[in-house]
N, C-alpha and C. Protein backbone atom coordinates (compact mmCIF):
# COMPACT_ATOMS: atom_id res chain seq x y z
N UNK A 1 -17.31 14.03 68.63
CA UNK A 1 -17.65 14.51 69.92
C UNK A 1 -18.40 16.10 70.37
N UNK A 2 -19.81 15.85 70.64
CA UNK A 2 -20.36 16.63 71.00
C UNK A 2 -20.66 17.93 72.22
N UNK A 3 -20.60 18.67 72.12
CA UNK A 3 -19.81 19.82 73.34
C UNK A 3 -21.20 20.15 73.49
N UNK A 4 -21.56 20.66 74.60
CA UNK A 4 -22.61 21.49 75.27
C UNK A 4 -22.09 22.71 76.28
N UNK A 5 -22.76 23.81 75.87
CA UNK A 5 -22.57 24.70 76.67
C UNK A 5 -23.59 25.84 77.56
N UNK A 6 -23.24 25.32 78.68
CA UNK A 6 -24.47 26.56 79.32
C UNK A 6 -23.93 27.77 79.11
N UNK A 7 -25.02 28.65 79.51
CA UNK A 7 -25.21 29.75 79.83
C UNK A 7 -26.18 30.00 81.11
N UNK A 8 -24.79 30.61 81.77
CA UNK A 8 -25.40 30.89 82.99
C UNK A 8 -25.28 31.65 83.65
N UNK A 9 -26.65 32.79 83.82
CA UNK A 9 -26.69 34.11 84.24
C UNK A 9 -25.88 34.33 85.80
N UNK A 10 -25.33 35.30 85.67
CA UNK A 10 -24.94 36.02 87.05
C UNK A 10 -25.54 35.43 87.69
N UNK A 11 -25.50 36.57 89.47
CA UNK A 11 -26.36 36.61 90.73
C UNK A 11 -27.12 37.55 89.92
N UNK A 12 -28.59 38.29 90.14
CA UNK A 12 -29.01 39.50 89.75
C UNK A 12 -28.91 40.65 90.62
N UNK A 13 -28.54 41.20 89.98
CA UNK A 13 -28.11 42.75 90.36
C UNK A 13 -28.95 43.52 91.56
N UNK A 14 -30.42 43.25 90.96
CA UNK A 14 -31.62 43.49 92.14
C UNK A 14 -31.30 42.96 93.39
N UNK A 15 -31.25 41.02 93.30
CA UNK A 15 -31.13 40.59 94.64
C UNK A 15 -29.42 41.07 95.61
N UNK A 16 -28.40 41.60 94.56
CA UNK A 16 -27.46 41.84 95.83
C UNK A 16 -27.55 43.51 96.28
N UNK A 17 -28.36 44.13 95.79
CA UNK A 17 -28.87 45.68 96.23
C UNK A 17 -29.39 45.46 97.58
N UNK A 18 -30.25 44.18 97.55
CA UNK A 18 -31.05 44.07 99.09
C UNK A 18 -30.61 43.13 100.15
N UNK A 19 -29.73 42.07 99.33
CA UNK A 19 -29.07 41.18 100.73
C UNK A 19 -28.18 41.97 101.54
N UNK A 20 -28.06 41.51 102.71
CA UNK A 20 -27.27 42.21 103.58
C UNK A 20 -26.71 40.93 104.57
N UNK A 21 -25.67 41.26 105.38
CA UNK A 21 -25.52 39.70 106.29
C UNK A 21 -26.40 39.31 107.42
N UNK A 22 -26.46 38.26 107.70
CA UNK A 22 -27.49 37.44 108.60
C UNK A 22 -26.98 38.19 109.55
N UNK A 23 -25.82 38.07 110.03
CA UNK A 23 -25.71 38.22 111.53
C UNK A 23 -25.76 39.45 111.91
N UNK A 24 -24.93 40.99 111.24
CA UNK A 24 -24.62 42.20 111.38
C UNK A 24 -25.52 42.76 110.47
N UNK A 25 -26.25 42.43 109.43
CA UNK A 25 -27.15 42.98 108.75
C UNK A 25 -26.45 44.37 108.29
N UNK A 26 -25.10 44.56 107.87
CA UNK A 26 -24.25 45.27 107.04
C UNK A 26 -24.76 45.13 105.89
N UNK A 27 -24.03 46.17 104.79
CA UNK A 27 -23.55 45.52 103.51
C UNK A 27 -22.55 44.49 102.64
N UNK A 28 -22.88 43.71 101.71
CA UNK A 28 -22.53 42.79 101.37
C UNK A 28 -21.36 43.15 99.84
N UNK A 29 -20.19 43.12 100.02
CA UNK A 29 -19.37 42.98 98.80
C UNK A 29 -19.28 41.96 97.42
N UNK A 30 -19.78 42.08 96.76
CA UNK A 30 -19.81 41.02 95.53
C UNK A 30 -18.55 40.66 95.06
N UNK A 31 -18.30 39.38 95.61
CA UNK A 31 -16.65 39.30 94.71
C UNK A 31 -17.22 38.25 93.65
N UNK A 32 -16.77 38.28 91.84
CA UNK A 32 -17.31 37.22 91.09
C UNK A 32 -16.27 36.67 91.59
N UNK A 33 -14.95 36.77 91.42
CA UNK A 33 -13.61 36.09 90.88
C UNK A 33 -13.58 35.11 91.52
N UNK A 34 -14.45 34.54 92.98
CA UNK A 34 -14.03 33.70 93.82
C UNK A 34 -15.66 33.21 95.03
N UNK A 35 -16.77 33.69 93.80
CA UNK A 35 -18.20 33.29 93.84
C UNK A 35 -18.25 33.42 95.75
N UNK A 36 -18.40 34.66 95.99
CA UNK A 36 -18.66 34.70 97.51
C UNK A 36 -19.17 36.48 97.66
N UNK A 37 -19.85 36.30 98.92
CA UNK A 37 -20.55 37.74 99.26
C UNK A 37 -19.41 38.00 100.41
N UNK A 38 -19.22 38.95 101.02
CA UNK A 38 -18.29 39.16 101.71
C UNK A 38 -18.97 40.19 102.71
N UNK A 39 -19.16 40.23 104.52
CA UNK A 39 -19.09 41.17 104.88
C UNK A 39 -17.63 41.53 105.73
N UNK A 40 -17.27 42.43 105.47
CA UNK A 40 -16.24 42.99 105.89
C UNK A 40 -15.92 43.08 107.55
N UNK A 41 -17.72 43.97 108.01
CA UNK A 41 -17.42 44.12 109.66
C UNK A 41 -17.34 42.48 110.36
N UNK A 42 -17.87 41.68 109.54
CA UNK A 42 -18.34 39.97 110.94
C UNK A 42 -16.73 39.36 110.14
N UNK A 43 -16.52 39.48 108.45
CA UNK A 43 -15.04 38.90 108.47
C UNK A 43 -15.43 37.70 107.86
N UNK A 44 -16.49 37.51 107.22
CA UNK A 44 -16.98 36.41 106.92
C UNK A 44 -17.46 36.34 105.42
N UNK A 45 -17.25 34.95 104.34
CA UNK A 45 -17.20 35.33 102.82
C UNK A 45 -18.32 34.42 102.85
N UNK A 46 -19.26 35.23 102.77
CA UNK A 46 -20.31 33.98 101.93
C UNK A 46 -20.44 33.03 100.55
N UNK A 47 -20.66 31.99 99.89
CA UNK A 47 -20.40 31.65 99.16
C UNK A 47 -21.61 31.67 98.47
N UNK A 48 -21.01 31.62 96.70
CA UNK A 48 -22.53 31.09 95.69
C UNK A 48 -22.05 30.28 94.86
N UNK A 49 -23.38 29.37 95.32
CA UNK A 49 -23.55 28.33 94.81
C UNK A 49 -24.31 27.88 93.24
N UNK A 50 -23.65 28.00 91.97
CA UNK A 50 -25.35 27.43 90.89
C UNK A 50 -25.95 29.15 90.65
N UNK A 51 -25.38 30.04 91.13
CA UNK A 51 -25.65 31.78 91.13
C UNK A 51 -26.43 31.67 91.52
N UNK A 52 -26.78 30.83 93.48
CA UNK A 52 -27.15 31.60 94.74
C UNK A 52 -26.63 31.57 96.08
N UNK A 53 -27.15 33.13 96.36
CA UNK A 53 -25.80 33.52 97.74
C UNK A 53 -26.27 32.32 98.79
N UNK A 54 -25.34 31.02 99.45
CA UNK A 54 -25.84 30.98 100.25
C UNK A 54 -25.97 31.95 101.21
N UNK A 55 -26.82 32.45 102.27
CA UNK A 55 -26.28 33.17 103.82
C UNK A 55 -26.50 32.53 104.60
N UNK A 56 -25.57 31.48 105.12
CA UNK A 56 -25.96 30.23 106.57
C UNK A 56 -24.51 30.95 107.10
N UNK A 57 -24.13 31.14 108.40
CA UNK A 57 -22.96 31.39 108.74
C UNK A 57 -22.08 30.23 109.31
N UNK A 58 -22.84 28.82 108.70
CA UNK A 58 -22.22 27.68 108.83
C UNK A 58 -21.78 27.16 107.38
N UNK A 59 -21.90 27.81 106.21
CA UNK A 59 -21.83 27.87 105.03
C UNK A 59 -20.40 29.04 105.01
N UNK A 60 -20.56 29.62 105.81
CA UNK A 60 -19.58 31.34 105.37
C UNK A 60 -18.03 30.49 106.03
N UNK A 61 -17.17 31.30 105.34
CA UNK A 61 -15.69 30.89 104.91
C UNK A 61 -15.47 32.36 105.98
N UNK A 62 -14.05 31.88 107.18
CA UNK A 62 -14.23 32.92 107.61
C UNK A 62 -13.17 33.99 107.39
N UNK A 63 -12.83 34.92 107.52
CA UNK A 63 -11.82 35.75 106.95
C UNK A 63 -10.99 36.24 107.34
N UNK A 64 -11.00 36.10 109.19
CA UNK A 64 -9.93 36.42 110.15
C UNK A 64 -8.46 36.44 109.82
N UNK A 65 -8.05 35.39 109.29
CA UNK A 65 -6.32 35.14 108.97
C UNK A 65 -6.29 35.76 107.57
N UNK A 66 -7.24 36.48 106.46
CA UNK A 66 -6.84 36.52 105.35
C UNK A 66 -7.04 38.33 105.28
N UNK A 67 -6.38 38.77 106.38
CA UNK A 67 -6.60 40.39 106.38
C UNK A 67 -5.88 40.97 105.11
N UNK A 68 -5.03 40.82 104.17
CA UNK A 68 -4.54 41.38 103.03
C UNK A 68 -6.02 41.06 102.26
N UNK A 69 -6.96 40.38 102.26
CA UNK A 69 -7.83 39.76 101.57
C UNK A 69 -8.93 40.75 101.61
N UNK A 70 -9.15 41.58 102.82
CA UNK A 70 -10.24 43.19 103.07
C UNK A 70 -9.88 44.13 103.09
N UNK A 71 -8.42 44.25 102.03
CA UNK A 71 -8.08 45.50 101.80
C UNK A 71 -8.45 46.13 100.27
């Protein structure tokens, strides 16, 4: 049986330096393990799908009830 391993590059660090929250324009925290970008003031986590940040409020996960996650 043949196994194929695809090499996936992480999100470009230069892109992470210029990305901001689309709502408040604040900085984002990159959480690699959860594949998301977190805006602490808005308490939203934007997903990173196939190494592409999805910066849509409708796609963001609310962190309002996940207080320990922001610590």
